[in-house]
Every structure is written in structure tokens, then in C-alpha cells.
Amino acid sequence: MPIVVNLDVMLARRKMRSRELAERIGITEQNVSLLKSGKVKGIRFDTLEAICRVLDCRPGDLLEYRPADEENR
């Protein structure tokens, strides 16, 4: 998939664990794990907003577009 989720990078930069993020934004730790692994097909804007608020970042810090031809290199 050409959209890459960099949530693990932002969590590391903020020295925050998945469990803490899940508690602070009101979703399960399992859902944070799915987001981190990129195994989701979508994300609700209110969830994205909550993640950005807690991690003090922008959506572009979490989501990256990589064209399919770059993935195969």
C-alpha cells in the first residue's frame, strides 16, 4: 500500500509507549498496534486528531505517501 504509517517513529521521538497513547486517546492498545504495523485500511479523523494532539504533531508526520514503484526497490 502506498500510504505508510509512521506512528512508531513518532512514539519513539516522544518517548511514549503504545499503551500510554491508547489510554490518552481512548482506543485499545490492539488498535494502536494495528496502526503502527500499517495493517489498517483507514483511520477516523477524530482518532487522527487525538493522536496528533497527544503526540504534538501533524498528520503528515504520521502518514507518508510512497508510490508503489518505490516499495519494490
PDB file of N, CA and C in Angstrom:
ATOM      1  N   MET A   1       0.849  -1.184   0.000  1.00  0.00           N
ATOM      2  CA  MET A   1       0.000   0.000   0.000  1.00  0.00           C
ATOM      3  C   MET A   1       0.888   1.238   0.000  1.00  0.00           C
ATOM      4  N   PRO A   2       0.565   2.219  -0.798  1.00  0.00           N
ATOM      5  CA  PRO A   2       1.418   3.397  -0.905  1.00  0.00           C
ATOM      6  C   PRO A   2       1.373   4.343   0.289  1.00  0.00           C
ATOM      7  N   ILE A   3       0.438   4.178   1.217  1.00  0.00           N
ATOM      8  CA  ILE A   3       0.398   5.027   2.408  1.00  0.00           C
ATOM      9  C   ILE A   3       1.085   4.275   3.550  1.00  0.00           C
ATOM     10  N   VAL A   4       2.105   4.881   4.119  1.00  0.00           N
ATOM     11  CA  VAL A   4       2.872   4.277   5.206  1.00  0.00           C
ATOM     12  C   VAL A   4       2.570   5.044   6.482  1.00  0.00           C
ATOM     13  N   VAL A   5       2.317   4.310   7.565  1.00  0.00           N
ATOM     14  CA  VAL A   5       2.028   4.914   8.862  1.00  0.00           C
ATOM     15  C   VAL A   5       3.311   4.922   9.685  1.00  0.00           C
ATOM     16  N   ASN A   6       3.740   6.112  10.102  1.00  0.00           N
ATOM     17  CA  ASN A   6       4.979   6.267  10.871  1.00  0.00           C
ATOM     18  C   ASN A   6       4.703   6.516  12.353  1.00  0.00           C
ATOM     19  N   LEU A   7       3.664   5.894  12.871  1.00  0.00           N
ATOM     20  CA  LEU A   7       3.300   6.095  14.276  1.00  0.00           C
ATOM     21  C   LEU A   7       4.401   5.619  15.210  1.00  0.00           C
ATOM     22  N   ASP A   8       5.044   4.520  14.882  1.00  0.00           N
ATOM     23  CA  ASP A   8       6.115   4.012  15.742  1.00  0.00           C
ATOM     24  C   ASP A   8       7.263   5.010  15.856  1.00  0.00           C
ATOM     25  N   VAL A   9       7.553   5.712  14.776  1.00  0.00           N
ATOM     26  CA  VAL A   9       8.621   6.722  14.787  1.00  0.00           C
ATOM     27  C   VAL A   9       8.257   7.869  15.727  1.00  0.00           C
ATOM     28  N   MET A  10       7.010   8.350  15.616  1.00  0.00           N
ATOM     29  CA  MET A  10       6.575   9.467  16.468  1.00  0.00           C
ATOM     30  C   MET A  10       6.516   9.053  17.936  1.00  0.00           C
ATOM     31  N   LEU A  11       6.089   7.841  18.204  1.00  0.00           N
ATOM     32  CA  LEU A  11       6.076   7.366  19.593  1.00  0.00           C
ATOM     33  C   LEU A  11       7.495   7.332  20.155  1.00  0.00           C
ATOM     34  N   ALA A  12       8.435   6.871  19.366  1.00  0.00           N
ATOM     35  CA  ALA A  12       9.832   6.823  19.822  1.00  0.00           C
ATOM     36  C   ALA A  12      10.367   8.235  20.058  1.00  0.00           C
ATOM     37  N   ARG A  13      10.059   9.158  19.158  1.00  0.00           N
ATOM     38  CA  ARG A  13      10.522  10.541  19.334  1.00  0.00           C
ATOM     39  C   ARG A  13       9.958  11.176  20.600  1.00  0.00           C
ATOM     40  N   ARG A  14       8.735  10.822  20.924  1.00  0.00           N
ATOM     41  CA  ARG A  14       8.079  11.392  22.113  1.00  0.00           C
ATOM     42  C   ARG A  14       8.311  10.554  23.365  1.00  0.00           C
ATOM     43  N   LYS A  15       9.081   9.468  23.199  1.00  0.00           N
ATOM     44  CA  LYS A  15       9.379   8.566  24.322  1.00  0.00           C
ATOM     45  C   LYS A  15       8.087   8.122  25.029  1.00  0.00           C
ATOM     46  N   MET A  16       7.140   7.687  24.195  1.00  0.00           N
ATOM     47  CA  MET A  16       5.843   7.262  24.707  1.00  0.00           C
ATOM     48  C   MET A  16       5.587   5.830  24.248  1.00  0.00           C
ATOM     49  N   ARG A  17       4.964   5.074  25.109  1.00  0.00           N
ATOM     50  CA  ARG A  17       4.614   3.697  24.773  1.00  0.00           C
ATOM     51  C   ARG A  17       3.216   3.644  24.167  1.00  0.00           C
ATOM     52  N   SER A  18       2.977   2.600  23.417  1.00  0.00           N
ATOM     53  CA  SER A  18       1.669   2.402  22.787  1.00  0.00           C
ATOM     54  C   SER A  18       0.548   2.399  23.818  1.00  0.00           C
ATOM     55  N   ARG A  19       0.792   1.777  24.942  1.00  0.00           N
ATOM     56  CA  ARG A  19      -0.230   1.685  25.991  1.00  0.00           C
ATOM     57  C   ARG A  19      -0.641   3.073  26.472  1.00  0.00           C
ATOM     58  N   GLU A  20       0.338   3.946  26.698  1.00  0.00           N
ATOM     59  CA  GLU A  20       0.027   5.301  27.161  1.00  0.00           C
ATOM     60  C   GLU A  20      -0.773   6.068  26.111  1.00  0.00           C
ATOM     61  N   LEU A  21      -0.369   5.949  24.845  1.00  0.00           N
ATOM     62  CA  LEU A  21      -1.103   6.622  23.780  1.00  0.00           C
ATOM     63  C   LEU A  21      -2.541   6.114  23.725  1.00  0.00           C
ATOM     64  N   ALA A  22      -2.710   4.810  23.786  1.00  0.00           N
ATOM     65  CA  ALA A  22      -4.051   4.221  23.732  1.00  0.00           C
ATOM     66  C   ALA A  22      -4.936   4.763  24.853  1.00  0.00           C
ATOM     67  N   GLU A  23      -4.384   4.825  26.049  1.00  0.00           N
ATOM     68  CA  GLU A  23      -5.155   5.337  27.196  1.00  0.00           C
ATOM     69  C   GLU A  23      -5.519   6.803  27.006  1.00  0.00           C
ATOM     70  N   ARG A  24      -4.578   7.579  26.505  1.00  0.00           N
ATOM     71  CA  ARG A  24      -4.805   9.027  26.382  1.00  0.00           C
ATOM     72  C   ARG A  24      -5.759   9.398  25.258  1.00  0.00           C
ATOM     73  N   ILE A  25      -5.869   8.553  24.225  1.00  0.00           N
ATOM     74  CA  ILE A  25      -6.777   8.888  23.123  1.00  0.00           C
ATOM     75  C   ILE A  25      -8.058   8.054  23.146  1.00  0.00           C
ATOM     76  N   GLY A  26      -8.129   7.080  24.033  1.00  0.00           N
ATOM     77  CA  GLY A  26      -9.366   6.324  24.201  1.00  0.00           C
ATOM     78  C   GLY A  26      -9.611   5.224  23.183  1.00  0.00           C
ATOM     79  N   ILE A  27      -8.531   4.582  22.718  1.00  0.00           N
ATOM     80  CA  ILE A  27      -8.692   3.396  21.878  1.00  0.00           C
ATOM     81  C   ILE A  27      -7.908   2.257  22.516  1.00  0.00           C
ATOM     82  N   THR A  28      -8.107   1.050  21.999  1.00  0.00           N
ATOM     83  CA  THR A  28      -7.422  -0.096  22.589  1.00  0.00           C
ATOM     84  C   THR A  28      -5.954  -0.136  22.161  1.00  0.00           C
ATOM     85  N   GLU A  29      -5.166  -0.767  22.976  1.00  0.00           N
ATOM     86  CA  GLU A  29      -3.754  -0.939  22.636  1.00  0.00           C
ATOM     87  C   GLU A  29      -3.614  -1.782  21.369  1.00  0.00           C
ATOM     88  N   GLN A  30      -4.548  -2.708  21.174  1.00  0.00           N
ATOM     89  CA  GLN A  30      -4.563  -3.537  19.960  1.00  0.00           C
ATOM     90  C   GLN A  30      -4.728  -2.662  18.717  1.00  0.00           C
ATOM     91  N   ASN A  31      -5.608  -1.666  18.783  1.00  0.00           N
ATOM     92  CA  ASN A  31      -5.803  -0.779  17.636  1.00  0.00           C
ATOM     93  C   ASN A  31      -4.581   0.094  17.375  1.00  0.00           C
ATOM     94  N   VAL A  32      -3.907   0.521  18.427  1.00  0.00           N
ATOM     95  CA  VAL A  32      -2.652   1.267  18.242  1.00  0.00           C
ATOM     96  C   VAL A  32      -1.628   0.371  17.559  1.00  0.00           C
ATOM     97  N   SER A  33      -1.568  -0.886  17.958  1.00  0.00           N
ATOM     98  CA  SER A  33      -0.641  -1.835  17.354  1.00  0.00           C
ATOM     99  C   SER A  33      -0.942  -2.028  15.872  1.00  0.00           C
ATOM    100  N   LEU A  34      -2.224  -2.136  15.531  1.00  0.00           N
ATOM    101  CA  LEU A  34      -2.607  -2.275  14.126  1.00  0.00           C
ATOM    102  C   LEU A  34      -2.216  -1.039  13.322  1.00  0.00           C
ATOM    103  N   LEU A  35      -2.397   0.140  13.913  1.00  0.00           N
ATOM    104  CA  LEU A  35      -1.981   1.372  13.243  1.00  0.00           C
ATOM    105  C   LEU A  35      -0.479   1.391  13.018  1.00  0.00           C
ATOM    106  N   LYS A  36       0.273   1.031  14.049  1.00  0.00           N
ATOM    107  CA  LYS A  36       1.729   1.038  13.944  1.00  0.00           C
ATOM    108  C   LYS A  36       2.218   0.098  12.850  1.00  0.00           C
ATOM    109  N   SER A  37       1.573  -1.049  12.716  1.00  0.00           N
ATOM    110  CA  SER A  37       2.010  -2.040  11.736  1.00  0.00           C
ATOM    111  C   SER A  37       1.516  -1.736  10.329  1.00  0.00           C
ATOM    112  N   GLY A  38       0.601  -0.772  10.206  1.00  0.00           N
ATOM    113  CA  GLY A  38       0.073  -0.422   8.899  1.00  0.00           C
ATOM    114  C   GLY A  38      -0.981  -1.397   8.397  1.00  0.00           C
ATOM    115  N   LYS A  39      -1.511  -2.218   9.292  1.00  0.00           N
ATOM    116  CA  LYS A  39      -2.500  -3.229   8.896  1.00  0.00           C
ATOM    117  C   LYS A  39      -3.927  -2.708   8.992  1.00  0.00           C
ATOM    118  N   VAL A  40      -4.099  -1.445   8.708  1.00  0.00           N
ATOM    119  CA  VAL A  40      -5.435  -0.850   8.709  1.00  0.00           C
ATOM    120  C   VAL A  40      -5.712  -0.283   7.329  1.00  0.00           C
ATOM    121  N   LYS A  41      -6.963  -0.228   6.975  1.00  0.00           N
ATOM    122  CA  LYS A  41      -7.366   0.319   5.678  1.00  0.00           C
ATOM    123  C   LYS A  41      -7.787   1.774   5.791  1.00  0.00           C
ATOM    124  N   GLY A  42      -7.980   2.250   7.019  1.00  0.00           N
ATOM    125  CA  GLY A  42      -8.405   3.630   7.212  1.00  0.00           C
ATOM    126  C   GLY A  42      -8.277   4.029   8.670  1.00  0.00           C
ATOM    127  N   ILE A  43      -8.441   5.318   8.905  1.00  0.00           N
ATOM    128  CA  ILE A  43      -8.397   5.851  10.260  1.00  0.00           C
ATOM    129  C   ILE A  43      -9.416   6.987  10.333  1.00  0.00           C
ATOM    130  N   ARG A  44     -10.146   7.030  11.417  1.00  0.00           N
ATOM    131  CA  ARG A  44     -11.128   8.099  11.599  1.00  0.00           C
ATOM    132  C   ARG A  44     -10.393   9.408  11.862  1.00  0.00           C
ATOM    133  N   PHE A  45     -10.946  10.493  11.318  1.00  0.00           N
ATOM    134  CA  PHE A  45     -10.309  11.793  11.520  1.00  0.00           C
ATOM    135  C   PHE A  45     -10.249  12.176  12.987  1.00  0.00           C
ATOM    136  N   ASP A  46     -11.252  11.805  13.777  1.00  0.00           N
ATOM    137  CA  ASP A  46     -11.197  12.160  15.201  1.00  0.00           C
ATOM    138  C   ASP A  46     -10.088  11.388  15.915  1.00  0.00           C
ATOM    139  N   THR A  47      -9.813  10.152  15.481  1.00  0.00           N
ATOM    140  CA  THR A  47      -8.694   9.384  16.054  1.00  0.00           C
ATOM    141  C   THR A  47      -7.374  10.010  15.630  1.00  0.00           C
ATOM    142  N   LEU A  48      -7.248  10.379  14.374  1.00  0.00           N
ATOM    143  CA  LEU A  48      -6.036  11.031  13.879  1.00  0.00           C
ATOM    144  C   LEU A  48      -5.801  12.350  14.608  1.00  0.00           C
ATOM    145  N   GLU A  49      -6.876  13.099  14.812  1.00  0.00           N
ATOM    146  CA  GLU A  49      -6.765  14.365  15.547  1.00  0.00           C
ATOM    147  C   GLU A  49      -6.279  14.126  16.974  1.00  0.00           C
ATOM    148  N   ALA A  50      -6.822  13.122  17.639  1.00  0.00           N
ATOM    149  CA  ALA A  50      -6.421  12.824  19.016  1.00  0.00           C
ATOM    150  C   ALA A  50      -4.955  12.404  19.082  1.00  0.00           C
ATOM    151  N   ILE A  51      -4.515  11.592  18.133  1.00  0.00           N
ATOM    152  CA  ILE A  51      -3.108  11.171  18.097  1.00  0.00           C
ATOM    153  C   ILE A  51      -2.210  12.389  17.908  1.00  0.00           C
ATOM    154  N   CYS A  52      -2.569  13.250  16.976  1.00  0.00           N
ATOM    155  CA  CYS A  52      -1.770  14.457  16.720  1.00  0.00           C
ATOM    156  C   CYS A  52      -1.735  15.364  17.943  1.00  0.00           C
ATOM    157  N   ARG A  53      -2.855  15.487  18.638  1.00  0.00           N
ATOM    158  CA  ARG A  53      -2.907  16.337  19.833  1.00  0.00           C
ATOM    159  C   ARG A  53      -1.982  15.791  20.920  1.00  0.00           C
ATOM    160  N   VAL A  54      -2.067  14.489  21.176  1.00  0.00           N
ATOM    161  CA  VAL A  54      -1.268  13.873  22.239  1.00  0.00           C
ATOM    162  C   VAL A  54       0.217  13.859  21.889  1.00  0.00           C
ATOM    163  N   LEU A  55       0.543  13.575  20.628  1.00  0.00           N
ATOM    164  CA  LEU A  55       1.950  13.499  20.220  1.00  0.00           C
ATOM    165  C   LEU A  55       2.515  14.837  19.754  1.00  0.00           C
ATOM    166  N   ASP A  56       1.673  15.874  19.761  1.00  0.00           N
ATOM    167  CA  ASP A  56       2.085  17.212  19.334  1.00  0.00           C
ATOM    168  C   ASP A  56       2.752  17.156  17.963  1.00  0.00           C
ATOM    169  N   CYS A  57       1.976  16.642  16.988  1.00  0.00           N
ATOM    170  CA  CYS A  57       2.494  16.513  15.626  1.00  0.00           C
ATOM    171  C   CYS A  57       1.376  16.827  14.637  1.00  0.00           C
ATOM    172  N   ARG A  58       1.683  16.694  13.369  1.00  0.00           N
ATOM    173  CA  ARG A  58       0.719  16.924  12.291  1.00  0.00           C
ATOM    174  C   ARG A  58       0.451  15.597  11.585  1.00  0.00           C
ATOM    175  N   PRO A  59      -0.680  15.493  10.885  1.00  0.00           N
ATOM    176  CA  PRO A  59      -0.965  14.255  10.160  1.00  0.00           C
ATOM    177  C   PRO A  59       0.163  13.835   9.217  1.00  0.00           C
ATOM    178  N   GLY A  60       0.828  14.808   8.604  1.00  0.00           N
ATOM    179  CA  GLY A  60       1.936  14.498   7.701  1.00  0.00           C
ATOM    180  C   GLY A  60       3.142  13.892   8.396  1.00  0.00           C
ATOM    181  N   ASP A  61       3.224  14.065   9.720  1.00  0.00           N
ATOM    182  CA  ASP A  61       4.302  13.428  10.471  1.00  0.00           C
ATOM    183  C   ASP A  61       4.013  11.941  10.669  1.00  0.00           C
ATOM    184  N   LEU A  62       2.744  11.572  10.594  1.00  0.00           N
ATOM    185  CA  LEU A  62       2.323  10.190  10.834  1.00  0.00           C
ATOM    186  C   LEU A  62       2.104   9.403   9.553  1.00  0.00           C
ATOM    187  N   LEU A  63       1.662  10.083   8.502  1.00  0.00           N
ATOM    188  CA  LEU A  63       1.310   9.414   7.255  1.00  0.00           C
ATOM    189  C   LEU A  63       2.245   9.855   6.141  1.00  0.00           C
ATOM    190  N   GLU A  64       2.698   8.889   5.367  1.00  0.00           N
ATOM    191  CA  GLU A  64       3.634   9.168   4.278  1.00  0.00           C
ATOM    192  C   GLU A  64       3.159   8.447   3.024  1.00  0.00           C
ATOM    193  N   TYR A  65       3.253   9.120   1.893  1.00  0.00           N
ATOM    194  CA  TYR A  65       2.902   8.505   0.617  1.00  0.00           C
ATOM    195  C   TYR A  65       4.163   7.998  -0.056  1.00  0.00           C
ATOM    196  N   ARG A  66       4.176   6.701  -0.348  1.00  0.00           N
ATOM    197  CA  ARG A  66       5.278   6.099  -1.104  1.00  0.00           C
ATOM    198  C   ARG A  66       4.681   5.399  -2.323  1.00  0.00           C
ATOM    199  N   PRO A  67       4.940   5.919  -3.505  1.00  0.00           N
ATOM    200  CA  PRO A  67       4.420   5.260  -4.705  1.00  0.00           C
ATOM    201  C   PRO A  67       4.836   3.788  -4.770  1.00  0.00           C
ATOM    202  N   ALA A  68       4.025   2.985  -5.390  1.00  0.00           N
ATOM    203  CA  ALA A  68       4.263   1.535  -5.454  1.00  0.00           C
ATOM    204  C   ALA A  68       5.629   1.191  -6.020  1.00  0.00           C
ATOM    205  N   ASP A  69       6.134   1.950  -6.987  1.00  0.00           N
ATOM    206  CA  ASP A  69       7.434   1.632  -7.572  1.00  0.00           C
ATOM    207  C   ASP A  69       8.573   1.817  -6.572  1.00  0.00           C
ATOM    208  N   GLU A  70       8.413   2.689  -5.584  1.00  0.00           N
ATOM    209  CA  GLU A  70       9.438   2.869  -4.544  1.00  0.00           C
ATOM    210  C   GLU A  70       9.424   1.717  -3.557  1.00  0.00           C
ATOM    211  N   GLU A  71       8.273   1.094  -3.322  1.00  0.00           N
ATOM    212  CA  GLU A  71       8.183  -0.029  -2.388  1.00  0.00           C
ATOM    213  C   GLU A  71       8.949  -1.243  -2.887  1.00  0.00           C
ATOM    214  N   ASN A  72       9.077  -1.391  -4.185  1.00  0.00           N
ATOM    215  CA  ASN A  72       9.706  -2.579  -4.764  1.00  0.00           C
ATOM    216  C   ASN A  72      11.205  -2.435  -4.918  1.00  0.00           C
ATOM    217  N   ARG A  73      11.771  -1.345  -4.461  1.00  0.00           N
ATOM    218  CA  ARG A  73      13.228  -1.144  -4.581  1.00  0.00           C
ATOM    219  C   ARG A  73      13.956  -1.730  -3.430  1.00  0.00           C
TER     220      ARG A  73
END
